[in-house]
Amino acid sequence: MGIENLMTFIVTALFFIMTPGIDTVFVLNKSIGQGRKSGIYATFGINTGVLVHTFFAALGLSVLIAKSTIAFSLIKFLGAGYLIYLGFLKLKNKEGFFPADNKKFSKNSKNDFWTGFLTNTLNPKVALFFLAFFPQFINVNQMDNPIPFLLLGITYALIGIVWFLILTLFASVFSQKLKSNLKSGCWLNKLSGLVFIVMGIKIALAKI
């Protein structure tokens, strides 16, 4: 299928996925604050974004974005603005990190899918990472073939789903202990808001 050293790819991909970043922070935020269901929806939203980046890379669209300063900057600032917006919503939230009305948030868990999808899709650094990472495991003669890119992207997404679901499970259990401390909810809300804002600024300052 044009793929070389698949096991090395899997191990390396797992290492990158496990390294704390925007996706990890987002899943932890949803899992601890709103429960396991929100974490699961966020996990699938993020990895659907991974598949979008994979599709773009396979068709060569990611290369066009990387070469176009205007396109890269547009996506970059949209992604940065969205993260900063989420951060300010967290800082303004007076309900605290743990919502009082769990049923309300449970019904709106599908929104976490789309939020996770947007935070990943609007991060141009993911597209650049795939362009640099995937070709190392593709046969030179198959570089113009979209199939190896798609297979590696699907593999990457599946690894991400497994890891973030494990993270969601442990985080949701951990949140039960934190809920007993009312003050911890307030501080966690402010901290998560600041983290989103800092990550948004970091994306805004990213260069090709």
N, C-alpha and C. Protein backbone atom coordinates (compact mmCIF):
# COMPACT_ATOMS: atom_id res chain seq x y z
N MET A 1 0.82 -1.22 0.00
CA MET A 1 0.00 0.00 0.00
C MET A 1 0.85 1.27 0.00
N GLY A 2 2.15 1.10 -0.17
CA GLY A 2 3.04 2.25 -0.22
C GLY A 2 3.51 2.74 1.13
N ILE A 3 3.18 2.00 2.20
CA ILE A 3 3.57 2.40 3.56
C ILE A 3 4.78 1.59 4.01
N GLU A 4 5.74 2.27 4.64
CA GLU A 4 6.93 1.61 5.15
C GLU A 4 7.02 1.82 6.66
N ASN A 5 7.55 0.81 7.36
CA ASN A 5 7.78 0.89 8.82
C ASN A 5 6.52 1.31 9.58
N LEU A 6 5.45 0.55 9.37
CA LEU A 6 4.17 0.89 9.99
C LEU A 6 4.25 0.86 11.52
N MET A 7 4.93 -0.13 12.10
CA MET A 7 5.02 -0.22 13.56
C MET A 7 5.75 0.98 14.14
N THR A 8 6.80 1.43 13.44
CA THR A 8 7.51 2.62 13.88
C THR A 8 6.59 3.83 13.85
N PHE A 9 5.77 3.90 12.79
CA PHE A 9 4.79 4.99 12.68
C PHE A 9 3.83 4.97 13.85
N ILE A 10 3.30 3.79 14.19
CA ILE A 10 2.34 3.66 15.28
C ILE A 10 2.93 4.10 16.61
N VAL A 11 4.16 3.64 16.89
CA VAL A 11 4.82 4.01 18.16
C VAL A 11 5.09 5.51 18.21
N THR A 12 5.59 6.06 17.10
CA THR A 12 5.91 7.50 17.05
C THR A 12 4.63 8.33 17.14
N ALA A 13 3.59 7.89 16.44
CA ALA A 13 2.31 8.61 16.49
C ALA A 13 1.75 8.61 17.90
N LEU A 14 1.83 7.49 18.59
CA LEU A 14 1.35 7.40 19.97
C LEU A 14 2.10 8.37 20.86
N PHE A 15 3.41 8.48 20.64
CA PHE A 15 4.23 9.41 21.42
C PHE A 15 3.76 10.85 21.22
N PHE A 16 3.53 11.22 19.96
CA PHE A 16 3.09 12.59 19.66
C PHE A 16 1.69 12.86 20.22
N ILE A 17 0.81 11.88 20.10
CA ILE A 17 -0.57 12.04 20.60
C ILE A 17 -0.59 12.18 22.11
N MET A 18 0.27 11.43 22.80
CA MET A 18 0.32 11.47 24.26
C MET A 18 0.97 12.74 24.79
N THR A 19 1.74 13.42 23.94
CA THR A 19 2.38 14.67 24.36
C THR A 19 1.30 15.73 24.57
N PRO A 20 1.24 16.34 25.77
CA PRO A 20 0.18 17.32 26.06
C PRO A 20 0.15 18.48 25.06
N GLY A 21 -1.04 18.77 24.58
CA GLY A 21 -1.24 19.87 23.65
C GLY A 21 -2.67 20.36 23.73
N ILE A 22 -3.11 21.08 22.70
CA ILE A 22 -4.46 21.64 22.70
C ILE A 22 -5.52 20.55 22.81
N ASP A 23 -5.34 19.46 22.06
CA ASP A 23 -6.33 18.38 22.07
C ASP A 23 -6.45 17.74 23.45
N THR A 24 -5.30 17.50 24.08
CA THR A 24 -5.30 16.90 25.42
C THR A 24 -6.00 17.80 26.42
N VAL A 25 -5.67 19.10 26.38
CA VAL A 25 -6.27 20.06 27.30
C VAL A 25 -7.79 20.11 27.10
N PHE A 26 -8.22 20.09 25.83
CA PHE A 26 -9.65 20.17 25.54
C PHE A 26 -10.40 18.96 26.06
N VAL A 27 -9.86 17.77 25.82
CA VAL A 27 -10.52 16.53 26.28
C VAL A 27 -10.56 16.49 27.80
N LEU A 28 -9.47 16.86 28.45
CA LEU A 28 -9.44 16.87 29.92
C LEU A 28 -10.43 17.88 30.47
N ASN A 29 -10.49 19.03 29.81
CA ASN A 29 -11.42 20.08 30.24
C ASN A 29 -12.86 19.59 30.22
N LYS A 30 -13.25 18.94 29.12
CA LYS A 30 -14.62 18.44 28.98
C LYS A 30 -14.89 17.25 29.90
N SER A 31 -13.92 16.35 30.02
CA SER A 31 -14.10 15.13 30.82
C SER A 31 -14.22 15.44 32.30
N ILE A 32 -13.37 16.33 32.79
CA ILE A 32 -13.37 16.67 34.22
C ILE A 32 -14.55 17.58 34.55
N GLY A 33 -14.80 18.57 33.68
CA GLY A 33 -15.84 19.55 33.98
C GLY A 33 -17.26 19.09 33.71
N GLN A 34 -17.46 18.31 32.65
CA GLN A 34 -18.82 17.97 32.25
C GLN A 34 -19.10 16.47 32.17
N GLY A 35 -18.09 15.67 32.46
CA GLY A 35 -18.32 14.24 32.55
C GLY A 35 -17.84 13.44 31.36
N ARG A 36 -17.97 12.14 31.48
CA ARG A 36 -17.45 11.19 30.49
C ARG A 36 -18.07 11.38 29.10
N LYS A 37 -19.37 11.63 29.06
CA LYS A 37 -20.05 11.75 27.77
C LYS A 37 -19.49 12.92 26.96
N SER A 38 -19.25 14.05 27.61
CA SER A 38 -18.69 15.21 26.92
C SER A 38 -17.29 14.90 26.42
N GLY A 39 -16.51 14.19 27.23
CA GLY A 39 -15.16 13.81 26.84
C GLY A 39 -15.16 12.91 25.62
N ILE A 40 -16.12 12.01 25.55
CA ILE A 40 -16.22 11.08 24.41
C ILE A 40 -16.57 11.85 23.13
N TYR A 41 -17.54 12.75 23.23
CA TYR A 41 -17.92 13.55 22.06
C TYR A 41 -16.74 14.41 21.60
N ALA A 42 -16.02 15.00 22.57
CA ALA A 42 -14.86 15.82 22.24
C ALA A 42 -13.78 15.00 21.54
N THR A 43 -13.58 13.77 22.01
CA THR A 43 -12.59 12.86 21.42
C THR A 43 -12.89 12.59 19.95
N PHE A 44 -14.15 12.27 19.65
CA PHE A 44 -14.52 11.98 18.27
C PHE A 44 -14.50 13.24 17.40
N GLY A 45 -14.81 14.39 18.00
CA GLY A 45 -14.74 15.64 17.25
C GLY A 45 -13.31 15.97 16.84
N ILE A 46 -12.38 15.83 17.77
CA ILE A 46 -10.97 16.11 17.51
C ILE A 46 -10.43 15.19 16.41
N ASN A 47 -10.75 13.91 16.50
CA ASN A 47 -10.19 12.97 15.54
C ASN A 47 -10.90 13.00 14.19
N THR A 48 -12.10 13.55 14.15
CA THR A 48 -12.73 13.84 12.85
C THR A 48 -11.96 14.98 12.18
N GLY A 49 -11.50 15.92 12.99
CA GLY A 49 -10.63 16.99 12.48
C GLY A 49 -9.33 16.43 11.92
N VAL A 50 -8.79 15.42 12.58
CA VAL A 50 -7.58 14.75 12.10
C VAL A 50 -7.81 14.15 10.71
N LEU A 51 -8.99 13.57 10.51
CA LEU A 51 -9.33 12.98 9.21
C LEU A 51 -9.47 14.06 8.13
N VAL A 52 -9.96 15.23 8.51
CA VAL A 52 -10.06 16.35 7.56
C VAL A 52 -8.66 16.76 7.11
N HIS A 53 -7.74 16.91 8.07
CA HIS A 53 -6.35 17.25 7.73
C HIS A 53 -5.73 16.17 6.85
N THR A 54 -6.06 14.91 7.14
CA THR A 54 -5.55 13.80 6.34
C THR A 54 -6.05 13.89 4.90
N PHE A 55 -7.33 14.17 4.75
CA PHE A 55 -7.94 14.29 3.43
C PHE A 55 -7.30 15.43 2.64
N PHE A 56 -7.06 16.56 3.32
CA PHE A 56 -6.42 17.70 2.67
C PHE A 56 -5.00 17.34 2.23
N ALA A 57 -4.27 16.64 3.11
CA ALA A 57 -2.89 16.25 2.80
C ALA A 57 -2.86 15.29 1.62
N ALA A 58 -3.81 14.35 1.59
CA ALA A 58 -3.86 13.35 0.52
C ALA A 58 -4.14 13.99 -0.83
N LEU A 59 -4.94 15.06 -0.84
CA LEU A 59 -5.28 15.74 -2.09
C LEU A 59 -4.28 16.84 -2.46
N GLY A 60 -3.33 17.09 -1.56
CA GLY A 60 -2.34 18.11 -1.82
C GLY A 60 -2.77 19.51 -1.43
N LEU A 61 -3.95 19.62 -0.79
CA LEU A 61 -4.45 20.95 -0.39
C LEU A 61 -3.64 21.54 0.75
N SER A 62 -3.11 20.68 1.63
CA SER A 62 -2.30 21.17 2.75
C SER A 62 -1.03 21.85 2.25
N VAL A 63 -0.48 21.32 1.15
CA VAL A 63 0.72 21.93 0.56
C VAL A 63 0.40 23.33 0.06
N LEU A 64 -0.78 23.48 -0.56
CA LEU A 64 -1.19 24.79 -1.06
C LEU A 64 -1.37 25.78 0.09
N ILE A 65 -1.95 25.29 1.20
CA ILE A 65 -2.14 26.15 2.37
C ILE A 65 -0.79 26.57 2.95
N ALA A 66 0.14 25.59 3.02
CA ALA A 66 1.46 25.87 3.58
C ALA A 66 2.23 26.88 2.72
N LYS A 67 1.99 26.83 1.41
CA LYS A 67 2.70 27.73 0.50
C LYS A 67 2.04 29.10 0.38
N SER A 68 0.78 29.19 0.80
CA SER A 68 0.06 30.46 0.70
C SER A 68 0.05 31.16 2.06
N THR A 69 0.72 32.27 2.14
CA THR A 69 0.78 33.03 3.39
C THR A 69 -0.60 33.50 3.81
N ILE A 70 -1.41 33.90 2.82
CA ILE A 70 -2.75 34.42 3.12
C ILE A 70 -3.64 33.30 3.67
N ALA A 71 -3.64 32.14 3.00
CA ALA A 71 -4.49 31.02 3.44
C ALA A 71 -4.05 30.52 4.82
N PHE A 72 -2.74 30.40 5.00
CA PHE A 72 -2.22 29.93 6.29
C PHE A 72 -2.59 30.90 7.41
N SER A 73 -2.42 32.20 7.15
CA SER A 73 -2.71 33.22 8.16
C SER A 73 -4.20 33.25 8.49
N LEU A 74 -5.05 33.09 7.46
CA LEU A 74 -6.50 33.11 7.67
C LEU A 74 -6.92 31.98 8.60
N ILE A 75 -6.47 30.76 8.29
CA ILE A 75 -6.82 29.61 9.13
C ILE A 75 -6.22 29.76 10.52
N LYS A 76 -4.98 30.25 10.56
CA LYS A 76 -4.29 30.43 11.84
C LYS A 76 -5.04 31.38 12.76
N PHE A 77 -5.45 32.51 12.24
CA PHE A 77 -6.11 33.51 13.08
C PHE A 77 -7.55 33.10 13.43
N LEU A 78 -8.19 32.35 12.54
CA LEU A 78 -9.51 31.81 12.87
C LEU A 78 -9.40 30.83 14.03
N GLY A 79 -8.42 29.93 13.96
CA GLY A 79 -8.20 28.96 15.03
C GLY A 79 -7.80 29.62 16.34
N ALA A 80 -6.90 30.60 16.24
CA ALA A 80 -6.45 31.31 17.44
C ALA A 80 -7.60 32.08 18.07
N GLY A 81 -8.38 32.76 17.23
CA GLY A 81 -9.51 33.53 17.73
C GLY A 81 -10.55 32.65 18.41
N TYR A 82 -10.75 31.45 17.85
CA TYR A 82 -11.74 30.53 18.42
C TYR A 82 -11.29 30.04 19.80
N LEU A 83 -10.02 29.72 19.93
CA LEU A 83 -9.49 29.26 21.23
C LEU A 83 -9.55 30.38 22.27
N ILE A 84 -9.19 31.58 21.86
CA ILE A 84 -9.24 32.72 22.79
C ILE A 84 -10.68 32.99 23.21
N TYR A 85 -11.60 32.86 22.26
CA TYR A 85 -13.03 33.02 22.56
C TYR A 85 -13.48 32.00 23.61
N LEU A 86 -13.08 30.74 23.43
CA LEU A 86 -13.41 29.69 24.41
C LEU A 86 -12.82 30.01 25.77
N GLY A 87 -11.60 30.56 25.76
CA GLY A 87 -10.95 30.91 27.01
C GLY A 87 -11.70 31.99 27.76
N PHE A 88 -12.14 33.02 27.05
CA PHE A 88 -12.89 34.10 27.69
C PHE A 88 -14.25 33.63 28.20
N LEU A 89 -14.86 32.69 27.47
CA LEU A 89 -16.13 32.12 27.95
C LEU A 89 -15.92 31.41 29.29
N LYS A 90 -14.79 30.72 29.41
CA LYS A 90 -14.47 30.04 30.66
C LYS A 90 -14.26 31.05 31.79
N LEU A 91 -13.55 32.13 31.50
CA LEU A 91 -13.27 33.13 32.53
C LEU A 91 -14.54 33.85 32.97
N LYS A 92 -15.49 34.03 32.04
CA LYS A 92 -16.74 34.73 32.35
C LYS A 92 -17.77 33.82 33.02
N ASN A 93 -17.57 32.52 32.88
CA ASN A 93 -18.55 31.57 33.42
C ASN A 93 -18.63 31.65 34.94
N LYS A 94 -19.80 32.00 35.45
CA LYS A 94 -19.96 32.16 36.90
C LYS A 94 -20.45 30.87 37.58
N GLU A 95 -20.76 29.87 36.77
CA GLU A 95 -21.26 28.61 37.35
C GLU A 95 -20.15 27.75 37.92
N GLY A 96 -18.91 28.10 37.57
CA GLY A 96 -17.79 27.29 38.04
C GLY A 96 -17.45 26.21 37.03
N PHE A 97 -16.40 25.46 37.31
CA PHE A 97 -15.92 24.44 36.38
C PHE A 97 -16.90 23.28 36.27
N PHE A 98 -17.58 22.96 37.38
CA PHE A 98 -18.53 21.85 37.39
C PHE A 98 -19.95 22.40 37.31
N PRO A 99 -20.67 22.20 36.22
CA PRO A 99 -22.02 22.75 36.06
C PRO A 99 -22.99 22.17 37.07
N ALA A 100 -23.89 23.02 37.56
CA ALA A 100 -24.88 22.56 38.53
C ALA A 100 -25.95 21.71 37.85
N ASP A 101 -26.28 22.09 36.61
CA ASP A 101 -27.33 21.37 35.88
C ASP A 101 -26.68 20.37 34.93
N ASN A 102 -26.37 19.19 35.41
CA ASN A 102 -25.70 18.18 34.60
C ASN A 102 -26.56 17.69 33.45
N LYS A 103 -27.91 17.66 33.63
CA LYS A 103 -28.80 17.19 32.58
C LYS A 103 -28.75 18.11 31.38
N LYS A 104 -28.67 19.41 31.66
CA LYS A 104 -28.62 20.40 30.59
C LYS A 104 -27.36 20.19 29.73
N PHE A 105 -26.23 19.99 30.41
CA PHE A 105 -24.98 19.83 29.68
C PHE A 105 -24.91 18.48 29.00
N SER A 106 -25.56 17.49 29.59
CA SER A 106 -25.58 16.17 28.98
C SER A 106 -26.30 16.21 27.63
N LYS A 107 -27.40 16.97 27.58
CA LYS A 107 -28.16 17.09 26.34
C LYS A 107 -27.38 17.84 25.27
N ASN A 108 -26.49 18.74 25.70
CA ASN A 108 -25.73 19.56 24.75
C ASN A 108 -24.35 19.01 24.48
N SER A 109 -24.12 17.74 24.81
CA SER A 109 -22.80 17.15 24.63
C SER A 109 -22.38 17.11 23.17
N LYS A 110 -23.37 17.08 22.26
CA LYS A 110 -23.03 17.05 20.84
C LYS A 110 -22.29 18.32 20.42
N ASN A 111 -22.50 19.42 21.15
CA ASN A 111 -21.77 20.65 20.86
C ASN A 111 -20.28 20.45 21.09
N ASP A 112 -19.92 19.56 22.03
CA ASP A 112 -18.52 19.29 22.32
C ASP A 112 -17.84 18.63 21.14
N PHE A 113 -18.61 17.86 20.36
CA PHE A 113 -18.06 17.24 19.14
C PHE A 113 -17.62 18.34 18.18
N TRP A 114 -18.50 19.29 17.93
CA TRP A 114 -18.20 20.34 16.96
C TRP A 114 -17.13 21.29 17.46
N THR A 115 -17.11 21.54 18.76
CA THR A 115 -16.05 22.39 19.32
C THR A 115 -14.70 21.71 19.17
N GLY A 116 -14.64 20.41 19.48
CA GLY A 116 -13.41 19.65 19.31
C GLY A 116 -12.99 19.59 17.85
N PHE A 117 -13.97 19.43 16.97
CA PHE A 117 -13.71 19.39 15.53
C PHE A 117 -13.09 20.70 15.06
N LEU A 118 -13.63 21.81 15.51
CA LEU A 118 -13.14 23.13 15.07
C LEU A 118 -11.77 23.45 15.64
N THR A 119 -11.53 23.10 16.91
CA THR A 119 -10.24 23.40 17.52
C THR A 119 -9.11 22.65 16.80
N ASN A 120 -9.41 21.47 16.29
CA ASN A 120 -8.39 20.71 15.56
C ASN A 120 -8.29 21.15 14.10
N THR A 121 -9.43 21.28 13.44
CA THR A 121 -9.43 21.62 12.01
C THR A 121 -8.84 23.00 11.76
N LEU A 122 -9.08 23.96 12.67
CA LEU A 122 -8.59 25.32 12.49
C LEU A 122 -7.19 25.54 13.05
N ASN A 123 -6.50 24.44 13.32
CA ASN A 123 -5.11 24.53 13.79
C ASN A 123 -4.18 24.17 12.62
N PRO A 124 -3.61 25.17 11.94
CA PRO A 124 -2.76 24.89 10.77
C PRO A 124 -1.49 24.13 11.12
N LYS A 125 -1.11 24.14 12.40
CA LYS A 125 0.10 23.42 12.80
C LYS A 125 -0.09 21.92 12.63
N VAL A 126 -1.33 21.45 12.73
CA VAL A 126 -1.61 20.02 12.52
C VAL A 126 -1.36 19.66 11.06
N ALA A 127 -1.80 20.52 10.15
CA ALA A 127 -1.60 20.29 8.72
C ALA A 127 -0.11 20.24 8.39
N LEU A 128 0.66 21.19 8.94
CA LEU A 128 2.10 21.23 8.69
C LEU A 128 2.79 20.00 9.28
N PHE A 129 2.32 19.58 10.45
CA PHE A 129 2.89 18.39 11.10
C PHE A 129 2.68 17.15 10.23
N PHE A 130 1.47 16.99 9.70
CA PHE A 130 1.18 15.83 8.86
C PHE A 130 2.03 15.84 7.59
N LEU A 131 2.23 17.03 7.01
CA LEU A 131 3.03 17.14 5.79
C LEU A 131 4.48 16.74 6.04
N ALA A 132 4.97 17.00 7.25
CA ALA A 132 6.36 16.66 7.58
C ALA A 132 6.50 15.22 8.07
N PHE A 133 5.46 14.72 8.76
CA PHE A 133 5.53 13.42 9.44
C PHE A 133 5.19 12.25 8.52
N PHE A 134 4.07 12.32 7.83
CA PHE A 134 3.58 11.19 7.03
C PHE A 134 4.55 10.74 5.93
N PRO A 135 5.15 11.67 5.15
CA PRO A 135 6.03 11.24 4.05
C PRO A 135 7.22 10.37 4.49
N GLN A 136 7.60 10.46 5.75
CA GLN A 136 8.72 9.66 6.24
C GLN A 136 8.39 8.16 6.25
N PHE A 137 7.10 7.84 6.17
CA PHE A 137 6.67 6.45 6.22
C PHE A 137 5.97 6.01 4.93
N ILE A 138 6.20 6.78 3.87
CA ILE A 138 5.61 6.46 2.56
C ILE A 138 6.72 6.20 1.56
N ASN A 139 6.56 5.17 0.77
CA ASN A 139 7.53 4.84 -0.27
C ASN A 139 7.67 6.02 -1.23
N VAL A 140 8.92 6.30 -1.61
CA VAL A 140 9.20 7.45 -2.47
C VAL A 140 8.38 7.40 -3.76
N ASN A 141 8.18 6.21 -4.29
CA ASN A 141 7.45 6.06 -5.54
C ASN A 141 5.93 6.24 -5.38
N GLN A 142 5.47 6.32 -4.12
CA GLN A 142 4.03 6.43 -3.85
C GLN A 142 3.64 7.81 -3.31
N MET A 143 4.56 8.77 -3.39
CA MET A 143 4.30 10.09 -2.81
C MET A 143 3.10 10.80 -3.45
N ASP A 144 2.85 10.51 -4.71
CA ASP A 144 1.72 11.15 -5.39
C ASP A 144 0.42 10.36 -5.24
N ASN A 145 0.50 9.24 -4.54
CA ASN A 145 -0.67 8.39 -4.34
C ASN A 145 -1.37 8.79 -3.04
N PRO A 146 -2.65 9.17 -3.07
CA PRO A 146 -3.34 9.62 -1.84
C PRO A 146 -3.62 8.48 -0.85
N ILE A 147 -3.62 7.22 -1.31
CA ILE A 147 -3.98 6.09 -0.44
C ILE A 147 -3.08 5.98 0.79
N PRO A 148 -1.73 6.02 0.65
CA PRO A 148 -0.88 5.92 1.85
C PRO A 148 -1.17 7.03 2.87
N PHE A 149 -1.39 8.26 2.39
CA PHE A 149 -1.71 9.36 3.29
C PHE A 149 -3.00 9.07 4.05
N LEU A 150 -4.01 8.58 3.33
CA LEU A 150 -5.30 8.30 3.96
C LEU A 150 -5.17 7.18 5.00
N LEU A 151 -4.44 6.13 4.67
CA LEU A 151 -4.28 5.00 5.59
C LEU A 151 -3.53 5.43 6.85
N LEU A 152 -2.47 6.23 6.68
CA LEU A 152 -1.71 6.71 7.84
C LEU A 152 -2.56 7.65 8.68
N GLY A 153 -3.36 8.48 8.02
CA GLY A 153 -4.23 9.41 8.75
C GLY A 153 -5.30 8.68 9.55
N ILE A 154 -5.89 7.66 8.96
CA ILE A 154 -6.91 6.86 9.65
C ILE A 154 -6.29 6.14 10.84
N THR A 155 -5.08 5.60 10.63
CA THR A 155 -4.36 4.94 11.73
C THR A 155 -4.08 5.91 12.86
N TYR A 156 -3.64 7.12 12.50
CA TYR A 156 -3.34 8.16 13.48
C TYR A 156 -4.60 8.52 14.28
N ALA A 157 -5.72 8.65 13.57
CA ALA A 157 -6.99 9.00 14.22
C ALA A 157 -7.45 7.90 15.16
N LEU A 158 -7.30 6.64 14.76
CA LEU A 158 -7.71 5.52 15.61
C LEU A 158 -6.87 5.46 16.88
N ILE A 159 -5.58 5.71 16.75
CA ILE A 159 -4.70 5.75 17.93
C ILE A 159 -5.15 6.88 18.85
N GLY A 160 -5.47 8.03 18.24
CA GLY A 160 -5.93 9.18 19.02
C GLY A 160 -7.22 8.89 19.76
N ILE A 161 -8.15 8.21 19.10
CA ILE A 161 -9.43 7.87 19.73
C ILE A 161 -9.21 6.98 20.95
N VAL A 162 -8.38 5.95 20.79
CA VAL A 162 -8.11 5.03 21.90
C VAL A 162 -7.47 5.76 23.07
N TRP A 163 -6.46 6.59 22.78
CA TRP A 163 -5.75 7.29 23.86
C TRP A 163 -6.67 8.27 24.58
N PHE A 164 -7.42 9.07 23.83
CA PHE A 164 -8.26 10.09 24.46
C PHE A 164 -9.45 9.47 25.20
N LEU A 165 -9.92 8.31 24.74
CA LEU A 165 -10.98 7.63 25.49
C LEU A 165 -10.46 7.11 26.83
N ILE A 166 -9.22 6.62 26.84
CA ILE A 166 -8.60 6.20 28.10
C ILE A 166 -8.44 7.41 29.02
N LEU A 167 -8.00 8.53 28.44
CA LEU A 167 -7.82 9.76 29.20
C LEU A 167 -9.15 10.24 29.77
N THR A 168 -10.19 10.13 28.95
CA THR A 168 -11.54 10.53 29.38
C THR A 168 -12.02 9.70 30.56
N LEU A 169 -11.78 8.41 30.51
CA LEU A 169 -12.20 7.50 31.57
C LEU A 169 -11.57 7.88 32.90
N PHE A 170 -10.25 8.08 32.90
CA PHE A 170 -9.55 8.42 34.13
C PHE A 170 -9.91 9.82 34.62
N ALA A 171 -10.05 10.76 33.68
CA ALA A 171 -10.37 12.14 34.06
C ALA A 171 -11.75 12.26 34.67
N SER A 172 -12.72 11.52 34.13
CA SER A 172 -14.08 11.59 34.65
C SER A 172 -14.17 10.99 36.06
N VAL A 173 -13.35 9.98 36.32
CA VAL A 173 -13.30 9.40 37.67
C VAL A 173 -12.65 10.39 38.63
N PHE A 174 -11.58 11.03 38.16
CA PHE A 174 -10.85 12.02 38.97
C PHE A 174 -11.74 13.21 39.32
N SER A 175 -12.64 13.57 38.39
CA SER A 175 -13.49 14.74 38.61
C SER A 175 -14.44 14.55 39.79
N GLN A 176 -14.82 13.30 40.07
CA GLN A 176 -15.73 13.03 41.19
C GLN A 176 -15.11 13.48 42.51
N LYS A 177 -13.79 13.32 42.63
CA LYS A 177 -13.09 13.73 43.85
C LYS A 177 -12.99 15.25 43.93
N LEU A 178 -12.80 15.89 42.78
CA LEU A 178 -12.67 17.34 42.77
C LEU A 178 -13.99 18.03 43.07
N LYS A 179 -15.10 17.40 42.69
CA LYS A 179 -16.41 18.03 42.90
C LYS A 179 -16.75 18.20 44.37
N SER A 180 -16.09 17.45 45.23
CA SER A 180 -16.34 17.58 46.66
C SER A 180 -15.75 18.87 47.22
N ASN A 181 -14.84 19.48 46.45
CA ASN A 181 -14.22 20.73 46.86
C ASN A 181 -14.76 21.86 45.98
N LEU A 182 -15.64 22.69 46.52
CA LEU A 182 -16.30 23.74 45.74
C LEU A 182 -15.31 24.77 45.21
N LYS A 183 -14.28 25.10 45.98
CA LYS A 183 -13.31 26.11 45.56
C LYS A 183 -12.49 25.63 44.37
N SER A 184 -12.26 24.33 44.28
CA SER A 184 -11.44 23.80 43.19
C SER A 184 -12.11 24.07 41.85
N GLY A 185 -13.45 24.05 41.81
CA GLY A 185 -14.18 24.29 40.57
C GLY A 185 -13.93 25.69 40.03
N CYS A 186 -13.91 26.67 40.91
CA CYS A 186 -13.69 28.06 40.52
C CYS A 186 -12.28 28.25 39.96
N TRP A 187 -11.30 27.70 40.66
CA TRP A 187 -9.90 27.84 40.23
C TRP A 187 -9.63 27.09 38.93
N LEU A 188 -10.21 25.90 38.78
CA LEU A 188 -10.02 25.13 37.56
C LEU A 188 -10.63 25.84 36.35
N ASN A 189 -11.76 26.51 36.57
CA ASN A 189 -12.40 27.25 35.49
C ASN A 189 -11.50 28.37 34.98
N LYS A 190 -10.94 29.13 35.92
CA LYS A 190 -10.05 30.24 35.56
C LYS A 190 -8.78 29.72 34.88
N LEU A 191 -8.25 28.62 35.43
CA LEU A 191 -7.01 28.05 34.88
C LEU A 191 -7.22 27.54 33.45
N SER A 192 -8.34 26.82 33.24
CA SER A 192 -8.61 26.29 31.90
C SER A 192 -8.84 27.42 30.90
N GLY A 193 -9.50 28.50 31.35
CA GLY A 193 -9.70 29.66 30.48
C GLY A 193 -8.39 30.29 30.07
N LEU A 194 -7.49 30.44 31.02
CA LEU A 194 -6.17 31.03 30.73
C LEU A 194 -5.36 30.14 29.80
N VAL A 195 -5.47 28.83 29.99
CA VAL A 195 -4.74 27.89 29.13
C VAL A 195 -5.21 28.00 27.68
N PHE A 196 -6.53 28.07 27.47
CA PHE A 196 -7.06 28.23 26.12
C PHE A 196 -6.57 29.53 25.48
N ILE A 197 -6.57 30.60 26.25
CA ILE A 197 -6.12 31.90 25.73
C ILE A 197 -4.65 31.85 25.34
N VAL A 198 -3.82 31.26 26.21
CA VAL A 198 -2.38 31.14 25.93
C VAL A 198 -2.14 30.30 24.68
N MET A 199 -2.88 29.20 24.54
CA MET A 199 -2.72 28.36 23.35
C MET A 199 -3.20 29.07 22.09
N GLY A 200 -4.25 29.88 22.22
CA GLY A 200 -4.72 30.66 21.09
C GLY A 200 -3.66 31.66 20.63
N ILE A 201 -3.03 32.32 21.59
CA ILE A 201 -1.96 33.28 21.29
C ILE A 201 -0.77 32.56 20.64
N LYS A 202 -0.47 31.35 21.15
CA LYS A 202 0.63 30.57 20.59
C LYS A 202 0.39 30.22 19.13
N ILE A 203 -0.86 29.86 18.80
CA ILE A 203 -1.19 29.55 17.40
C ILE A 203 -1.11 30.82 16.54
N ALA A 204 -1.56 31.94 17.10
CA ALA A 204 -1.53 33.21 16.36
C ALA A 204 -0.11 33.62 16.00
N LEU A 205 0.85 33.24 16.84
CA LEU A 205 2.26 33.60 16.62
C LEU A 205 3.00 32.57 15.78
N ALA A 206 2.32 31.46 15.44
CA ALA A 206 2.97 30.39 14.66
C ALA A 206 3.34 30.89 13.26
N LYS A 207 4.45 30.38 12.75
CA LYS A 207 4.90 30.73 11.41
C LYS A 207 5.02 29.47 10.55
N ILE A 208 4.96 29.65 9.24
CA ILE A 208 5.08 28.52 8.32
C ILE A 208 6.50 27.97 8.39
